[in-house]
Amino acid sequence: MITADSPGVTTLIGRLVDDSRTLVSAEVALYKAKASERVAAYKSAVIFFAVAGVLALAALVALLVGLILSLATLIGPLGATAVVVGVVLLIALVLALVGKGRLAPAGGTA
């Protein structure tokens, strides 16, 4: 039942539009907050992966130096360096060829 102090249809439509705008802006703010939270999580994960990669590379260098020092007692410093560098380059070549093979199309010719 409509009374004299009931709001008019235009007032109700105006409130509906205002509430809809408020709802949409709240939803947009929520999605922005979720996106920034995900970006922050990925950023910290990337930093940890980068540090882990640097430490793994340092460990690999230490291992190679240790191999050279160990072999140096048997074949001398120059020979040990040549053997270790040669083996590492051979491993790198094999990995590069495997990677190149994975880039080729599955059914085509390279």
PDB file of N, CA and C in Angstrom:
ATOM      1  N   MET A   1       0.833  -1.161   0.000  1.00  0.00           N
ATOM      2  CA  MET A   1       0.000   0.000   0.000  1.00  0.00           C
ATOM      3  C   MET A   1       0.889   1.239   0.000  1.00  0.00           C
ATOM      4  N   ILE A   2       0.546   2.196  -0.820  1.00  0.00           N
ATOM      5  CA  ILE A   2       1.334   3.419  -0.951  1.00  0.00           C
ATOM      6  C   ILE A   2       0.758   4.471  -0.028  1.00  0.00           C
ATOM      7  N   THR A   3       1.616   5.071   0.784  1.00  0.00           N
ATOM      8  CA  THR A   3       1.186   6.131   1.688  1.00  0.00           C
ATOM      9  C   THR A   3       1.818   7.431   1.234  1.00  0.00           C
ATOM     10  N   ALA A   4       1.451   8.503   1.868  1.00  0.00           N
ATOM     11  CA  ALA A   4       1.941   9.824   1.484  1.00  0.00           C
ATOM     12  C   ALA A   4       3.426   9.969   1.777  1.00  0.00           C
ATOM     13  N   ASP A   5       3.925   9.277   2.797  1.00  0.00           N
ATOM     14  CA  ASP A   5       5.337   9.420   3.113  1.00  0.00           C
ATOM     15  C   ASP A   5       6.198   8.331   2.460  1.00  0.00           C
ATOM     16  N   SER A   6       5.619   7.490   1.576  1.00  0.00           N
ATOM     17  CA  SER A   6       6.388   6.487   0.838  1.00  0.00           C
ATOM     18  C   SER A   6       7.186   7.184  -0.254  1.00  0.00           C
ATOM     19  N   PRO A   7       8.417   6.722  -0.522  1.00  0.00           N
ATOM     20  CA  PRO A   7       9.200   7.338  -1.591  1.00  0.00           C
ATOM     21  C   PRO A   7       8.574   7.035  -2.949  1.00  0.00           C
ATOM     22  N   GLY A   8       8.769   7.950  -3.885  1.00  0.00           N
ATOM     23  CA  GLY A   8       8.221   7.780  -5.212  1.00  0.00           C
ATOM     24  C   GLY A   8       9.053   6.784  -6.026  1.00  0.00           C
ATOM     25  N   VAL A   9       8.505   6.427  -7.181  1.00  0.00           N
ATOM     26  CA  VAL A   9       9.176   5.471  -8.069  1.00  0.00           C
ATOM     27  C   VAL A   9      10.521   6.022  -8.524  1.00  0.00           C
ATOM     28  N   THR A  10      10.573   7.303  -8.859  1.00  0.00           N
ATOM     29  CA  THR A  10      11.846   7.877  -9.319  1.00  0.00           C
ATOM     30  C   THR A  10      12.886   7.867  -8.199  1.00  0.00           C
ATOM     31  N   THR A  11      12.446   8.080  -6.967  1.00  0.00           N
ATOM     32  CA  THR A  11      13.374   8.024  -5.833  1.00  0.00           C
ATOM     33  C   THR A  11      13.896   6.604  -5.652  1.00  0.00           C
ATOM     34  N   LEU A  12      13.015   5.627  -5.755  1.00  0.00           N
ATOM     35  CA  LEU A  12      13.429   4.232  -5.626  1.00  0.00           C
ATOM     36  C   LEU A  12      14.388   3.831  -6.747  1.00  0.00           C
ATOM     37  N   ILE A  13      14.125   4.256  -7.961  1.00  0.00           N
ATOM     38  CA  ILE A  13      15.010   3.946  -9.089  1.00  0.00           C
ATOM     39  C   ILE A  13      16.363   4.623  -8.882  1.00  0.00           C
ATOM     40  N   GLY A  14      16.350   5.841  -8.378  1.00  0.00           N
ATOM     41  CA  GLY A  14      17.603   6.538  -8.079  1.00  0.00           C
ATOM     42  C   GLY A  14      18.419   5.798  -7.039  1.00  0.00           C
ATOM     43  N   ARG A  15      17.758   5.310  -5.991  1.00  0.00           N
ATOM     44  CA  ARG A  15      18.459   4.539  -4.964  1.00  0.00           C
ATOM     45  C   ARG A  15      19.030   3.239  -5.545  1.00  0.00           C
ATOM     46  N   LEU A  16      18.226   2.602  -6.400  1.00  0.00           N
ATOM     47  CA  LEU A  16      18.669   1.363  -7.039  1.00  0.00           C
ATOM     48  C   LEU A  16      19.918   1.605  -7.880  1.00  0.00           C
ATOM     49  N   VAL A  17      19.929   2.685  -8.638  1.00  0.00           N
ATOM     50  CA  VAL A  17      21.095   3.019  -9.464  1.00  0.00           C
ATOM     51  C   VAL A  17      22.304   3.300  -8.577  1.00  0.00           C
ATOM     52  N   ASP A  18      22.103   4.074  -7.504  1.00  0.00           N
ATOM     53  CA  ASP A  18      23.212   4.371  -6.590  1.00  0.00           C
ATOM     54  C   ASP A  18      23.751   3.087  -5.931  1.00  0.00           C
ATOM     55  N   ASP A  19      22.834   2.228  -5.490  1.00  0.00           N
ATOM     56  CA  ASP A  19      23.265   0.973  -4.874  1.00  0.00           C
ATOM     57  C   ASP A  19      24.000   0.091  -5.883  1.00  0.00           C
ATOM     58  N   SER A  20      23.550   0.083  -7.123  1.00  0.00           N
ATOM     59  CA  SER A  20      24.210  -0.705  -8.167  1.00  0.00           C
ATOM     60  C   SER A  20      25.616  -0.184  -8.425  1.00  0.00           C
ATOM     61  N   ARG A  21      25.766   1.130  -8.472  1.00  0.00           N
ATOM     62  CA  ARG A  21      27.101   1.719  -8.659  1.00  0.00           C
ATOM     63  C   ARG A  21      28.016   1.358  -7.492  1.00  0.00           C
ATOM     64  N   THR A  22      27.484   1.442  -6.282  1.00  0.00           N
ATOM     65  CA  THR A  22      28.274   1.096  -5.100  1.00  0.00           C
ATOM     66  C   THR A  22      28.697  -0.371  -5.141  1.00  0.00           C
ATOM     67  N   LEU A  23      27.780  -1.238  -5.523  1.00  0.00           N
ATOM     68  CA  LEU A  23      28.079  -2.661  -5.612  1.00  0.00           C
ATOM     69  C   LEU A  23      29.157  -2.923  -6.663  1.00  0.00           C
ATOM     70  N   VAL A  24      29.029  -2.308  -7.826  1.00  0.00           N
ATOM     71  CA  VAL A  24      30.007  -2.512  -8.897  1.00  0.00           C
ATOM     72  C   VAL A  24      31.384  -2.003  -8.465  1.00  0.00           C
ATOM     73  N   SER A  25      31.437  -0.837  -7.844  1.00  0.00           N
ATOM     74  CA  SER A  25      32.730  -0.306  -7.416  1.00  0.00           C
ATOM     75  C   SER A  25      33.337  -1.178  -6.311  1.00  0.00           C
ATOM     76  N   ALA A  26      32.507  -1.749  -5.449  1.00  0.00           N
ATOM     77  CA  ALA A  26      33.012  -2.648  -4.409  1.00  0.00           C
ATOM     78  C   ALA A  26      33.558  -3.931  -5.030  1.00  0.00           C
ATOM     79  N   GLU A  27      32.864  -4.451  -6.040  1.00  0.00           N
ATOM     80  CA  GLU A  27      33.343  -5.656  -6.726  1.00  0.00           C
ATOM     81  C   GLU A  27      34.671  -5.388  -7.435  1.00  0.00           C
ATOM     82  N   VAL A  28      34.788  -4.243  -8.089  1.00  0.00           N
ATOM     83  CA  VAL A  28      36.034  -3.885  -8.771  1.00  0.00           C
ATOM     84  C   VAL A  28      37.169  -3.757  -7.759  1.00  0.00           C
ATOM     85  N   ALA A  29      36.896  -3.134  -6.626  1.00  0.00           N
ATOM     86  CA  ALA A  29      37.916  -3.005  -5.587  1.00  0.00           C
ATOM     87  C   ALA A  29      38.329  -4.376  -5.057  1.00  0.00           C
ATOM     88  N   LEU A  30      37.371  -5.291  -4.911  1.00  0.00           N
ATOM     89  CA  LEU A  30      37.673  -6.639  -4.445  1.00  0.00           C
ATOM     90  C   LEU A  30      38.582  -7.360  -5.438  1.00  0.00           C
ATOM     91  N   TYR A  31      38.265  -7.287  -6.734  1.00  0.00           N
ATOM     92  CA  TYR A  31      39.088  -7.957  -7.736  1.00  0.00           C
ATOM     93  C   TYR A  31      40.475  -7.332  -7.831  1.00  0.00           C
ATOM     94  N   LYS A  32      40.564  -6.015  -7.654  1.00  0.00           N
ATOM     95  CA  LYS A  32      41.885  -5.360  -7.649  1.00  0.00           C
ATOM     96  C   LYS A  32      42.709  -5.849  -6.467  1.00  0.00           C
ATOM     97  N   ALA A  33      42.076  -5.975  -5.313  1.00  0.00           N
ATOM     98  CA  ALA A  33      42.789  -6.446  -4.120  1.00  0.00           C
ATOM     99  C   ALA A  33      43.257  -7.885  -4.308  1.00  0.00           C
ATOM    100  N   LYS A  34      42.400  -8.731  -4.883  1.00  0.00           N
ATOM    101  CA  LYS A  34      42.796 -10.116  -5.138  1.00  0.00           C
ATOM    102  C   LYS A  34      43.958 -10.173  -6.119  1.00  0.00           C
ATOM    103  N   ALA A  35      43.903  -9.364  -7.176  1.00  0.00           N
ATOM    104  CA  ALA A  35      44.972  -9.363  -8.170  1.00  0.00           C
ATOM    105  C   ALA A  35      46.288  -8.883  -7.576  1.00  0.00           C
ATOM    106  N   SER A  36      46.248  -7.827  -6.770  1.00  0.00           N
ATOM    107  CA  SER A  36      47.490  -7.325  -6.175  1.00  0.00           C
ATOM    108  C   SER A  36      48.057  -8.332  -5.185  1.00  0.00           C
ATOM    109  N   GLU A  37      47.195  -9.069  -4.494  1.00  0.00           N
ATOM    110  CA  GLU A  37      47.664 -10.106  -3.575  1.00  0.00           C
ATOM    111  C   GLU A  37      48.373 -11.220  -4.341  1.00  0.00           C
ATOM    112  N   ARG A  38      47.800 -11.615  -5.486  1.00  0.00           N
ATOM    113  CA  ARG A  38      48.440 -12.657  -6.305  1.00  0.00           C
ATOM    114  C   ARG A  38      49.765 -12.173  -6.864  1.00  0.00           C
ATOM    115  N   VAL A  39      49.811 -10.924  -7.316  1.00  0.00           N
ATOM    116  CA  VAL A  39      51.061 -10.377  -7.850  1.00  0.00           C
ATOM    117  C   VAL A  39      52.131 -10.366  -6.767  1.00  0.00           C
ATOM    118  N   ALA A  40      51.768  -9.993  -5.569  1.00  0.00           N
ATOM    119  CA  ALA A  40      52.731  -9.972  -4.465  1.00  0.00           C
ATOM    120  C   ALA A  40      53.233 -11.382  -4.161  1.00  0.00           C
ATOM    121  N   ALA A  41      52.345 -12.355  -4.207  1.00  0.00           N
ATOM    122  CA  ALA A  41      52.743 -13.740  -3.944  1.00  0.00           C
ATOM    123  C   ALA A  41      53.689 -14.235  -5.033  1.00  0.00           C
ATOM    124  N   TYR A  42      53.365 -13.944  -6.295  1.00  0.00           N
ATOM    125  CA  TYR A  42      54.233 -14.376  -7.395  1.00  0.00           C
ATOM    126  C   TYR A  42      55.567 -13.643  -7.356  1.00  0.00           C
ATOM    127  N   LYS A  43      55.548 -12.382  -6.960  1.00  0.00           N
ATOM    128  CA  LYS A  43      56.788 -11.611  -6.892  1.00  0.00           C
ATOM    129  C   LYS A  43      57.737 -12.228  -5.874  1.00  0.00           C
ATOM    130  N   SER A  44      57.233 -12.574  -4.714  1.00  0.00           N
ATOM    131  CA  SER A  44      58.107 -13.170  -3.706  1.00  0.00           C
ATOM    132  C   SER A  44      58.574 -14.552  -4.154  1.00  0.00           C
ATOM    133  N   ALA A  45      57.731 -15.307  -4.838  1.00  0.00           N
ATOM    134  CA  ALA A  45      58.135 -16.622  -5.337  1.00  0.00           C
ATOM    135  C   ALA A  45      59.249 -16.481  -6.371  1.00  0.00           C
ATOM    136  N   VAL A  46      59.137 -15.502  -7.260  1.00  0.00           N
ATOM    137  CA  VAL A  46      60.174 -15.278  -8.269  1.00  0.00           C
ATOM    138  C   VAL A  46      61.488 -14.896  -7.604  1.00  0.00           C
ATOM    139  N   ILE A  47      61.437 -14.090  -6.572  1.00  0.00           N
ATOM    140  CA  ILE A  47      62.655 -13.700  -5.857  1.00  0.00           C
ATOM    141  C   ILE A  47      63.314 -14.937  -5.234  1.00  0.00           C
ATOM    142  N   PHE A  48      62.519 -15.807  -4.609  1.00  0.00           N
ATOM    143  CA  PHE A  48      63.083 -17.010  -4.009  1.00  0.00           C
ATOM    144  C   PHE A  48      63.686 -17.934  -5.078  1.00  0.00           C
ATOM    145  N   PHE A  49      63.003 -18.071  -6.227  1.00  0.00           N
ATOM    146  CA  PHE A  49      63.548 -18.894  -7.311  1.00  0.00           C
ATOM    147  C   PHE A  49      64.854 -18.305  -7.836  1.00  0.00           C
ATOM    148  N   ALA A  50      64.935 -16.998  -7.961  1.00  0.00           N
ATOM    149  CA  ALA A  50      66.158 -16.361  -8.453  1.00  0.00           C
ATOM    150  C   ALA A  50      67.317 -16.591  -7.489  1.00  0.00           C
ATOM    151  N   VAL A  51      67.061 -16.431  -6.209  1.00  0.00           N
ATOM    152  CA  VAL A  51      68.120 -16.660  -5.210  1.00  0.00           C
ATOM    153  C   VAL A  51      68.535 -18.131  -5.221  1.00  0.00           C
ATOM    154  N   ALA A  52      67.580 -19.028  -5.341  1.00  0.00           N
ATOM    155  CA  ALA A  52      67.900 -20.457  -5.399  1.00  0.00           C
ATOM    156  C   ALA A  52      68.743 -20.766  -6.633  1.00  0.00           C
ATOM    157  N   GLY A  53      68.427 -20.143  -7.753  1.00  0.00           N
ATOM    158  CA  GLY A  53      69.211 -20.352  -8.967  1.00  0.00           C
ATOM    159  C   GLY A  53      70.640 -19.854  -8.824  1.00  0.00           C
ATOM    160  N   VAL A  54      70.806 -18.695  -8.218  1.00  0.00           N
ATOM    161  CA  VAL A  54      72.153 -18.141  -8.012  1.00  0.00           C
ATOM    162  C   VAL A  54      72.955 -19.061  -7.087  1.00  0.00           C
ATOM    163  N   LEU A  55      72.335 -19.530  -6.015  1.00  0.00           N
ATOM    164  CA  LEU A  55      73.034 -20.432  -5.092  1.00  0.00           C
ATOM    165  C   LEU A  55      73.381 -21.766  -5.759  1.00  0.00           C
ATOM    166  N   ALA A  56      72.478 -22.276  -6.586  1.00  0.00           N
ATOM    167  CA  ALA A  56      72.761 -23.523  -7.297  1.00  0.00           C
ATOM    168  C   ALA A  56      73.915 -23.333  -8.273  1.00  0.00           C
ATOM    169  N   LEU A  57      73.960 -22.192  -8.950  1.00  0.00           N
ATOM    170  CA  LEU A  57      75.074 -21.909  -9.855  1.00  0.00           C
ATOM    171  C   LEU A  57      76.389 -21.800  -9.088  1.00  0.00           C
ATOM    172  N   ALA A  58      76.375 -21.156  -7.931  1.00  0.00           N
ATOM    173  CA  ALA A  58      77.576 -21.052  -7.111  1.00  0.00           C
ATOM    174  C   ALA A  58      78.038 -22.439  -6.656  1.00  0.00           C
ATOM    175  N   ALA A  59      77.097 -23.301  -6.306  1.00  0.00           N
ATOM    176  CA  ALA A  59      77.449 -24.660  -5.895  1.00  0.00           C
ATOM    177  C   ALA A  59      78.057 -25.437  -7.061  1.00  0.00           C
ATOM    178  N   LEU A  60      77.521 -25.243  -8.247  1.00  0.00           N
ATOM    179  CA  LEU A  60      78.070 -25.911  -9.427  1.00  0.00           C
ATOM    180  C   LEU A  60      79.484 -25.439  -9.714  1.00  0.00           C
ATOM    181  N   VAL A  61      79.732 -24.162  -9.608  1.00  0.00           N
ATOM    182  CA  VAL A  61      81.081 -23.623  -9.806  1.00  0.00           C
ATOM    183  C   VAL A  61      82.034 -24.204  -8.759  1.00  0.00           C
ATOM    184  N   ALA A  62      81.593 -24.270  -7.512  1.00  0.00           N
ATOM    185  CA  ALA A  62      82.436 -24.840  -6.450  1.00  0.00           C
ATOM    186  C   ALA A  62      82.736 -26.308  -6.735  1.00  0.00           C
ATOM    187  N   LEU A  63      81.751 -27.038  -7.220  1.00  0.00           N
ATOM    188  CA  LEU A  63      81.958 -28.442  -7.567  1.00  0.00           C
ATOM    189  C   LEU A  63      82.994 -28.583  -8.681  1.00  0.00           C
ATOM    190  N   LEU A  64      82.882 -27.749  -9.707  1.00  0.00           N
ATOM    191  CA  LEU A  64      83.824 -27.817 -10.823  1.00  0.00           C
ATOM    192  C   LEU A  64      85.237 -27.449 -10.381  1.00  0.00           C
ATOM    193  N   VAL A  65      85.359 -26.446  -9.534  1.00  0.00           N
ATOM    194  CA  VAL A  65      86.684 -26.082  -9.009  1.00  0.00           C
ATOM    195  C   VAL A  65      87.252 -27.238  -8.186  1.00  0.00           C
ATOM    196  N   GLY A  66      86.403 -27.871  -7.388  1.00  0.00           N
ATOM    197  CA  GLY A  66      86.845 -29.032  -6.613  1.00  0.00           C
ATOM    198  C   GLY A  66      87.303 -30.170  -7.502  1.00  0.00           C
ATOM    199  N   LEU A  67      86.585 -30.393  -8.601  1.00  0.00           N
ATOM    200  CA  LEU A  67      87.000 -31.430  -9.548  1.00  0.00           C
ATOM    201  C   LEU A  67      88.354 -31.105 -10.160  1.00  0.00           C
ATOM    202  N   ILE A  68      88.547 -29.857 -10.534  1.00  0.00           N
ATOM    203  CA  ILE A  68      89.835 -29.447 -11.103  1.00  0.00           C
ATOM    204  C   ILE A  68      90.950 -29.647 -10.088  1.00  0.00           C
ATOM    205  N   LEU A  69      90.728 -29.230  -8.856  1.00  0.00           N
ATOM    206  CA  LEU A  69      91.753 -29.388  -7.823  1.00  0.00           C
ATOM    207  C   LEU A  69      92.050 -30.860  -7.545  1.00  0.00           C
ATOM    208  N   SER A  70      91.020 -31.694  -7.566  1.00  0.00           N
ATOM    209  CA  SER A  70      91.225 -33.124  -7.324  1.00  0.00           C
ATOM    210  C   SER A  70      91.991 -33.781  -8.464  1.00  0.00           C
ATOM    211  N   LEU A  71      91.639 -33.437  -9.694  1.00  0.00           N
ATOM    212  CA  LEU A  71      92.326 -34.012 -10.851  1.00  0.00           C
ATOM    213  C   LEU A  71      93.725 -33.439 -11.034  1.00  0.00           C
ATOM    214  N   ALA A  72      93.962 -32.250 -10.526  1.00  0.00           N
ATOM    215  CA  ALA A  72      95.267 -31.598 -10.705  1.00  0.00           C
ATOM    216  C   ALA A  72      96.388 -32.413 -10.079  1.00  0.00           C
ATOM    217  N   THR A  73      96.086 -33.164  -9.025  1.00  0.00           N
ATOM    218  CA  THR A  73      97.124 -33.988  -8.402  1.00  0.00           C
ATOM    219  C   THR A  73      97.491 -35.174  -9.280  1.00  0.00           C
ATOM    220  N   LEU A  74      96.587 -35.551 -10.186  1.00  0.00           N
ATOM    221  CA  LEU A  74      96.844 -36.703 -11.053  1.00  0.00           C
ATOM    222  C   LEU A  74      97.426 -36.308 -12.415  1.00  0.00           C
ATOM    223  N   ILE A  75      96.877 -35.249 -13.031  1.00  0.00           N
ATOM    224  CA  ILE A  75      97.286 -34.897 -14.401  1.00  0.00           C
ATOM    225  C   ILE A  75      97.767 -33.460 -14.530  1.00  0.00           C
ATOM    226  N   GLY A  76      97.918 -32.770 -13.452  1.00  0.00           N
ATOM    227  CA  GLY A  76      98.396 -31.395 -13.484  1.00  0.00           C
ATOM    228  C   GLY A  76      97.257 -30.398 -13.636  1.00  0.00           C
ATOM    229  N   PRO A  77      97.518 -29.131 -13.277  1.00  0.00           N
ATOM    230  CA  PRO A  77      96.461 -28.117 -13.307  1.00  0.00           C
ATOM    231  C   PRO A  77      95.907 -27.858 -14.714  1.00  0.00           C
ATOM    232  N   LEU A  78      96.756 -27.776 -15.706  1.00  0.00           N
ATOM    233  CA  LEU A  78      96.287 -27.496 -17.069  1.00  0.00           C
ATOM    234  C   LEU A  78      95.462 -28.661 -17.600  1.00  0.00           C
ATOM    235  N   GLY A  79      95.939 -29.872 -17.386  1.00  0.00           N
ATOM    236  CA  GLY A  79      95.200 -31.045 -17.849  1.00  0.00           C
ATOM    237  C   GLY A  79      93.861 -31.178 -17.142  1.00  0.00           C
ATOM    238  N   ALA A  80      93.854 -30.951 -15.842  1.00  0.00           N
ATOM    239  CA  ALA A  80      92.609 -31.054 -15.077  1.00  0.00           C
ATOM    240  C   ALA A  80      91.597 -30.014 -15.543  1.00  0.00           C
ATOM    241  N   THR A  81      92.069 -28.788 -15.769  1.00  0.00           N
ATOM    242  CA  THR A  81      91.180 -27.733 -16.261  1.00  0.00           C
ATOM    243  C   THR A  81      90.622 -28.097 -17.627  1.00  0.00           C
ATOM    244  N   ALA A  82      91.491 -28.616 -18.514  1.00  0.00           N
ATOM    245  CA  ALA A  82      91.049 -28.985 -19.858  1.00  0.00           C
ATOM    246  C   ALA A  82      90.011 -30.105 -19.811  1.00  0.00           C
ATOM    247  N   VAL A  83      90.237 -31.115 -18.964  1.00  0.00           N
ATOM    248  CA  VAL A  83      89.295 -32.230 -18.868  1.00  0.00           C
ATOM    249  C   VAL A  83      87.949 -31.752 -18.338  1.00  0.00           C
ATOM    250  N   VAL A  84      87.958 -30.999 -17.254  1.00  0.00           N
ATOM    251  CA  VAL A  84      86.694 -30.554 -16.651  1.00  0.00           C
ATOM    252  C   VAL A  84      85.939 -29.623 -17.604  1.00  0.00           C
ATOM    253  N   VAL A  85      86.636 -28.673 -18.217  1.00  0.00           N
ATOM    254  CA  VAL A  85      85.974 -27.755 -19.159  1.00  0.00           C
ATOM    255  C   VAL A  85      85.442 -28.530 -20.362  1.00  0.00           C
ATOM    256  N   GLY A  86      86.220 -29.485 -20.871  1.00  0.00           N
ATOM    257  CA  GLY A  86      85.773 -30.288 -22.017  1.00  0.00           C
ATOM    258  C   GLY A  86      84.519 -31.082 -21.701  1.00  0.00           C
ATOM    259  N   VAL A  87      84.493 -31.724 -20.535  1.00  0.00           N
ATOM    260  CA  VAL A  87      83.315 -32.515 -20.154  1.00  0.00           C
ATOM    261  C   VAL A  87      82.100 -31.615 -19.965  1.00  0.00           C
ATOM    262  N   VAL A  88      82.281 -30.471 -19.327  1.00  0.00           N
ATOM    263  CA  VAL A  88      81.153 -29.558 -19.106  1.00  0.00           C
ATOM    264  C   VAL A  88      80.635 -29.022 -20.442  1.00  0.00           C
ATOM    265  N   LEU A  89      81.524 -28.680 -21.353  1.00  0.00           N
ATOM    266  CA  LEU A  89      81.086 -28.210 -22.680  1.00  0.00           C
ATOM    267  C   LEU A  89      80.375 -29.322 -23.449  1.00  0.00           C
ATOM    268  N   LEU A  90      80.822 -30.558 -23.313  1.00  0.00           N
ATOM    269  CA  LEU A  90      80.148 -31.679 -23.968  1.00  0.00           C
ATOM    270  C   LEU A  90      78.735 -31.853 -23.414  1.00  0.00           C
ATOM    271  N   ILE A  91      78.600 -31.766 -22.095  1.00  0.00           N
ATOM    272  CA  ILE A  91      77.267 -31.851 -21.474  1.00  0.00           C
ATOM    273  C   ILE A  91      76.388 -30.696 -21.956  1.00  0.00           C
ATOM    274  N   ALA A  92      76.948 -29.498 -22.034  1.00  0.00           N
ATOM    275  CA  ALA A  92      76.187 -28.335 -22.508  1.00  0.00           C
ATOM    276  C   ALA A  92      75.742 -28.532 -23.951  1.00  0.00           C
ATOM    277  N   LEU A  93      76.616 -29.106 -24.794  1.00  0.00           N
ATOM    278  CA  LEU A  93      76.263 -29.361 -26.193  1.00  0.00           C
ATOM    279  C   LEU A  93      75.119 -30.357 -26.292  1.00  0.00           C
ATOM    280  N   VAL A  94      75.194 -31.433 -25.520  1.00  0.00           N
ATOM    281  CA  VAL A  94      74.125 -32.432 -25.545  1.00  0.00           C
ATOM    282  C   VAL A  94      72.801 -31.812 -25.092  1.00  0.00           C
ATOM    283  N   LEU A  95      72.839 -31.029 -24.028  1.00  0.00           N
ATOM    284  CA  LEU A  95      71.608 -30.375 -23.548  1.00  0.00           C
ATOM    285  C   LEU A  95      71.058 -29.392 -24.578  1.00  0.00           C
ATOM    286  N   ALA A  96      71.936 -28.665 -25.251  1.00  0.00           N
ATOM    287  CA  ALA A  96      71.492 -27.719 -26.286  1.00  0.00           C
ATOM    288  C   ALA A  96      70.849 -28.454 -27.455  1.00  0.00           C
ATOM    289  N   LEU A  97      71.421 -29.586 -27.852  1.00  0.00           N
ATOM    290  CA  LEU A  97      70.832 -30.360 -28.954  1.00  0.00           C
ATOM    291  C   LEU A  97      69.493 -30.958 -28.566  1.00  0.00           C
ATOM    292  N   VAL A  98      69.367 -31.420 -27.327  1.00  0.00           N
ATOM    293  CA  VAL A  98      68.074 -31.924 -26.857  1.00  0.00           C
ATOM    294  C   VAL A  98      67.045 -30.795 -26.850  1.00  0.00           C
ATOM    295  N   GLY A  99      67.459 -29.606 -26.378  1.00  0.00           N
ATOM    296  CA  GLY A  99      66.553 -28.455 -26.382  1.00  0.00           C
ATOM    297  C   GLY A  99      66.140 -28.060 -27.776  1.00  0.00           C
ATOM    298  N   LYS A 100      67.082 -28.081 -28.711  1.00  0.00           N
ATOM    299  CA  LYS A 100      66.764 -27.750 -30.102  1.00  0.00           C
ATOM    300  C   LYS A 100      65.778 -28.757 -30.679  1.00  0.00           C
ATOM    301  N   GLY A 101      65.962 -30.022 -30.326  1.00  0.00           N
ATOM    302  CA  GLY A 101      65.044 -31.057 -30.795  1.00  0.00           C
ATOM    303  C   GLY A 101      63.642 -30.872 -30.259  1.00  0.00           C
ATOM    304  N   ARG A 102      63.522 -30.343 -29.073  1.00  0.00           N
ATOM    305  CA  ARG A 102      62.195 -30.105 -28.493  1.00  0.00           C
ATOM    306  C   ARG A 102      61.504 -28.902 -29.116  1.00  0.00           C
ATOM    307  N   LEU A 103      62.275 -28.014 -29.735  1.00  0.00           N
ATOM    308  CA  LEU A 103      61.674 -26.858 -30.397  1.00  0.00           C
ATOM    309  C   LEU A 103      61.118 -27.215 -31.767  1.00  0.00           C
ATOM    310  N   ALA A 104      61.622 -28.259 -32.388  1.00  0.00           N
ATOM    311  CA  ALA A 104      61.175 -28.654 -33.717  1.00  0.00           C
ATOM    312  C   ALA A 104      59.716 -29.101 -33.648  1.00  0.00           C
ATOM    313  N   PRO A 105      58.948 -28.866 -34.733  1.00  0.00           N
ATOM    314  CA  PRO A 105      57.551 -29.320 -34.744  1.00  0.00           C
ATOM    315  C   PRO A 105      57.482 -30.840 -34.597  1.00  0.00           C
ATOM    316  N   ALA A 106      56.444 -31.330 -33.962  1.00  0.00           N
ATOM    317  CA  ALA A 106      56.336 -32.747 -33.650  1.00  0.00           C
ATOM    318  C   ALA A 106      56.291 -33.616 -34.907  1.00  0.00           C
ATOM    319  N   GLY A 107      55.555 -33.213 -35.907  1.00  0.00           N
ATOM    320  CA  GLY A 107      55.419 -34.052 -37.102  1.00  0.00           C
ATOM    321  C   GLY A 107      56.242 -33.579 -38.276  1.00  0.00           C
ATOM    322  N   GLY A 108      56.897 -32.428 -38.178  1.00  0.00           N
ATOM    323  CA  GLY A 108      57.628 -31.863 -39.306  1.00  0.00           C
ATOM    324  C   GLY A 108      59.076 -32.255 -39.305  1.00  0.00           C
ATOM    325  N   THR A 109      59.770 -31.757 -40.326  1.00  0.00           N
ATOM    326  CA  THR A 109      61.202 -31.997 -40.420  1.00  0.00           C
ATOM    327  C   THR A 109      61.934 -30.742 -39.985  1.00  0.00           C
ATOM    328  N   ALA A 110      63.082 -30.944 -39.369  1.00  0.00           N
ATOM    329  CA  ALA A 110      63.834 -29.803 -38.867  1.00  0.00           C
ATOM    330  C   ALA A 110      64.862 -29.362 -39.858  1.00  0.00           C
TER     331      ALA A 110
END
